[in-house]
Amino acid sequence: MTDPYDIRSDLEPDSGEDLVALGNRLLDARPVPRAAFRGDLGRHLAARSTGRRLDGFQLRALIAVNGVAGLLLLAVGAVSAAGAGPLG
């Protein structure tokens, strides 16, 4: 298994060692939040969670509504790109 922090997998195969060294240096210098902050954030998100789950019908309805809205936006964009419509 490969190391998830190995910068070489994100670079071209013929990348120089100086670019790999720069990527590793940036990765090592990456700021990480303090443990107290991460704990506070986790507790805050857990407290805000309602614990309510969507049943199958609600989930399908939510997906359908978002799909229709996306298609409507695509249609408006296509009509506008053709030079007509509200944005043309």
C-alpha atoms as a PDB file:
ATOM      1  CA  MET A   1       0.000   0.000   0.000  1.00  0.00           C
ATOM      2  CA  THR A   2       1.281   3.461  -0.800  1.00  0.00           C
ATOM      3  CA  ASP A   3       1.872   6.206   1.716  1.00  0.00           C
ATOM      4  CA  PRO A   4      -1.008   8.736   1.492  1.00  0.00           C
ATOM      5  CA  TYR A   5       1.469  11.544   2.182  1.00  0.00           C
ATOM      6  CA  ASP A   6       3.880  10.562  -0.605  1.00  0.00           C
ATOM      7  CA  ILE A   7       4.041  13.585  -2.877  1.00  0.00           C
ATOM      8  CA  ARG A   8       5.484  11.595  -5.791  1.00  0.00           C
ATOM      9  CA  SER A   9       2.100  10.131  -6.758  1.00  0.00           C
ATOM     10  CA  ASP A  10       0.790  13.664  -7.432  1.00  0.00           C
ATOM     11  CA  LEU A  11       3.693  14.668  -9.684  1.00  0.00           C
ATOM     12  CA  GLU A  12       4.670  13.756 -13.220  1.00  0.00           C
ATOM     13  CA  PRO A  13       7.009  10.745 -13.414  1.00  0.00           C
ATOM     14  CA  ASP A  14       9.900  12.856 -14.729  1.00  0.00           C
ATOM     15  CA  SER A  15       9.647  15.522 -11.993  1.00  0.00           C
ATOM     16  CA  GLY A  16      12.951  16.556 -10.517  1.00  0.00           C
ATOM     17  CA  GLU A  17      14.059  15.834  -6.979  1.00  0.00           C
ATOM     18  CA  ASP A  18      13.947  19.549  -6.149  1.00  0.00           C
ATOM     19  CA  LEU A  19      10.183  19.592  -6.798  1.00  0.00           C
ATOM     20  CA  VAL A  20       9.718  16.491  -4.637  1.00  0.00           C
ATOM     21  CA  ALA A  21      11.774  18.121  -1.866  1.00  0.00           C
ATOM     22  CA  LEU A  22       9.655  21.285  -2.080  1.00  0.00           C
ATOM     23  CA  GLY A  23       6.438  19.255  -1.841  1.00  0.00           C
ATOM     24  CA  ASN A  24       7.725  17.356   1.177  1.00  0.00           C
ATOM     25  CA  ARG A  25       8.837  20.579   2.868  1.00  0.00           C
ATOM     26  CA  LEU A  26       5.401  22.147   2.318  1.00  0.00           C
ATOM     27  CA  LEU A  27       3.709  19.015   3.626  1.00  0.00           C
ATOM     28  CA  ASP A  28       5.867  19.024   6.759  1.00  0.00           C
ATOM     29  CA  ALA A  29       5.205  22.752   7.361  1.00  0.00           C
ATOM     30  CA  ARG A  30       1.427  22.361   7.016  1.00  0.00           C
ATOM     31  CA  PRO A  31      -0.337  23.802  10.056  1.00  0.00           C
ATOM     32  CA  VAL A  32      -2.427  21.373  12.090  1.00  0.00           C
ATOM     33  CA  PRO A  33      -5.089  22.614  14.515  1.00  0.00           C
ATOM     34  CA  ARG A  34      -4.432  22.101  18.212  1.00  0.00           C
ATOM     35  CA  ALA A  35      -5.926  19.007  19.829  1.00  0.00           C
ATOM     36  CA  ALA A  36      -8.112  21.179  22.076  1.00  0.00           C
ATOM     37  CA  PHE A  37      -9.613  22.897  19.030  1.00  0.00           C
ATOM     38  CA  ARG A  38     -10.300  19.589  17.301  1.00  0.00           C
ATOM     39  CA  GLY A  39     -11.965  18.240  20.454  1.00  0.00           C
ATOM     40  CA  ASP A  40     -14.085  21.370  20.879  1.00  0.00           C
ATOM     41  CA  LEU A  41     -15.117  21.224  17.236  1.00  0.00           C
ATOM     42  CA  GLY A  42     -16.109  17.568  17.505  1.00  0.00           C
ATOM     43  CA  ARG A  43     -18.214  18.216  20.606  1.00  0.00           C
ATOM     44  CA  HIS A  44     -19.836  21.269  18.990  1.00  0.00           C
ATOM     45  CA  LEU A  45     -20.774  19.314  15.855  1.00  0.00           C
ATOM     46  CA  ALA A  46     -22.084  16.406  17.920  1.00  0.00           C
ATOM     47  CA  ALA A  47     -24.238  18.769  19.985  1.00  0.00           C
ATOM     48  CA  ARG A  48     -25.673  20.380  16.841  1.00  0.00           C
ATOM     49  CA  SER A  49     -26.498  17.033  15.285  1.00  0.00           C
ATOM     50  CA  THR A  50     -30.197  16.293  15.491  1.00  0.00           C
ATOM     51  CA  GLY A  51     -29.689  12.569  15.068  1.00  0.00           C
ATOM     52  CA  ARG A  52     -32.648  12.548  12.669  1.00  0.00           C
ATOM     53  CA  ARG A  53     -32.216  10.365   9.629  1.00  0.00           C
ATOM     54  CA  LEU A  54     -34.151  10.624   6.403  1.00  0.00           C
ATOM     55  CA  ASP A  55     -36.302   7.666   5.446  1.00  0.00           C
ATOM     56  CA  GLY A  56     -36.198   6.290   1.915  1.00  0.00           C
ATOM     57  CA  PHE A  57     -39.035   8.433   0.576  1.00  0.00           C
ATOM     58  CA  GLN A  58     -37.627  11.676   1.988  1.00  0.00           C
ATOM     59  CA  LEU A  59     -34.191  10.901   0.608  1.00  0.00           C
ATOM     60  CA  ARG A  60     -35.544  10.115  -2.869  1.00  0.00           C
ATOM     61  CA  ALA A  61     -37.648  13.286  -2.810  1.00  0.00           C
ATOM     62  CA  LEU A  62     -34.628  15.379  -1.828  1.00  0.00           C
ATOM     63  CA  ILE A  63     -32.554  13.842  -4.623  1.00  0.00           C
ATOM     64  CA  ALA A  64     -35.347  14.428  -7.149  1.00  0.00           C
ATOM     65  CA  VAL A  65     -35.816  18.067  -6.157  1.00  0.00           C
ATOM     66  CA  ASN A  66     -32.095  18.762  -6.413  1.00  0.00           C
ATOM     67  CA  GLY A  67     -31.917  16.967  -9.764  1.00  0.00           C
ATOM     68  CA  VAL A  68     -34.798  19.001 -11.196  1.00  0.00           C
ATOM     69  CA  ALA A  69     -33.233  22.224  -9.936  1.00  0.00           C
ATOM     70  CA  GLY A  70     -29.917  21.284 -11.555  1.00  0.00           C
ATOM     71  CA  LEU A  71     -31.583  20.480 -14.869  1.00  0.00           C
ATOM     72  CA  LEU A  72     -33.463  23.770 -14.760  1.00  0.00           C
ATOM     73  CA  LEU A  73     -30.217  25.670 -14.193  1.00  0.00           C
ATOM     74  CA  LEU A  74     -28.561  23.788 -17.071  1.00  0.00           C
ATOM     75  CA  ALA A  75     -31.490  24.633 -19.346  1.00  0.00           C
ATOM     76  CA  VAL A  76     -31.322  28.337 -18.434  1.00  0.00           C
ATOM     77  CA  GLY A  77     -27.572  28.298 -19.074  1.00  0.00           C
ATOM     78  CA  ALA A  78     -28.010  26.600 -22.464  1.00  0.00           C
ATOM     79  CA  VAL A  79     -30.701  29.050 -23.548  1.00  0.00           C
ATOM     80  CA  SER A  80     -28.544  31.968 -22.395  1.00  0.00           C
ATOM     81  CA  ALA A  81     -25.511  30.600 -24.236  1.00  0.00           C
ATOM     82  CA  ALA A  82     -27.643  30.472 -27.380  1.00  0.00           C
ATOM     83  CA  GLY A  83     -28.246  34.219 -27.046  1.00  0.00           C
ATOM     84  CA  ALA A  84     -31.819  34.161 -25.811  1.00  0.00           C
ATOM     85  CA  GLY A  85     -33.430  33.918 -22.408  1.00  0.00           C
ATOM     86  CA  PRO A  86     -33.083  35.937 -19.238  1.00  0.00           C
ATOM     87  CA  LEU A  87     -29.289  36.256 -19.340  1.00  0.00           C
ATOM     88  CA  GLY A  88     -28.819  36.609 -23.095  1.00  0.00           C
END
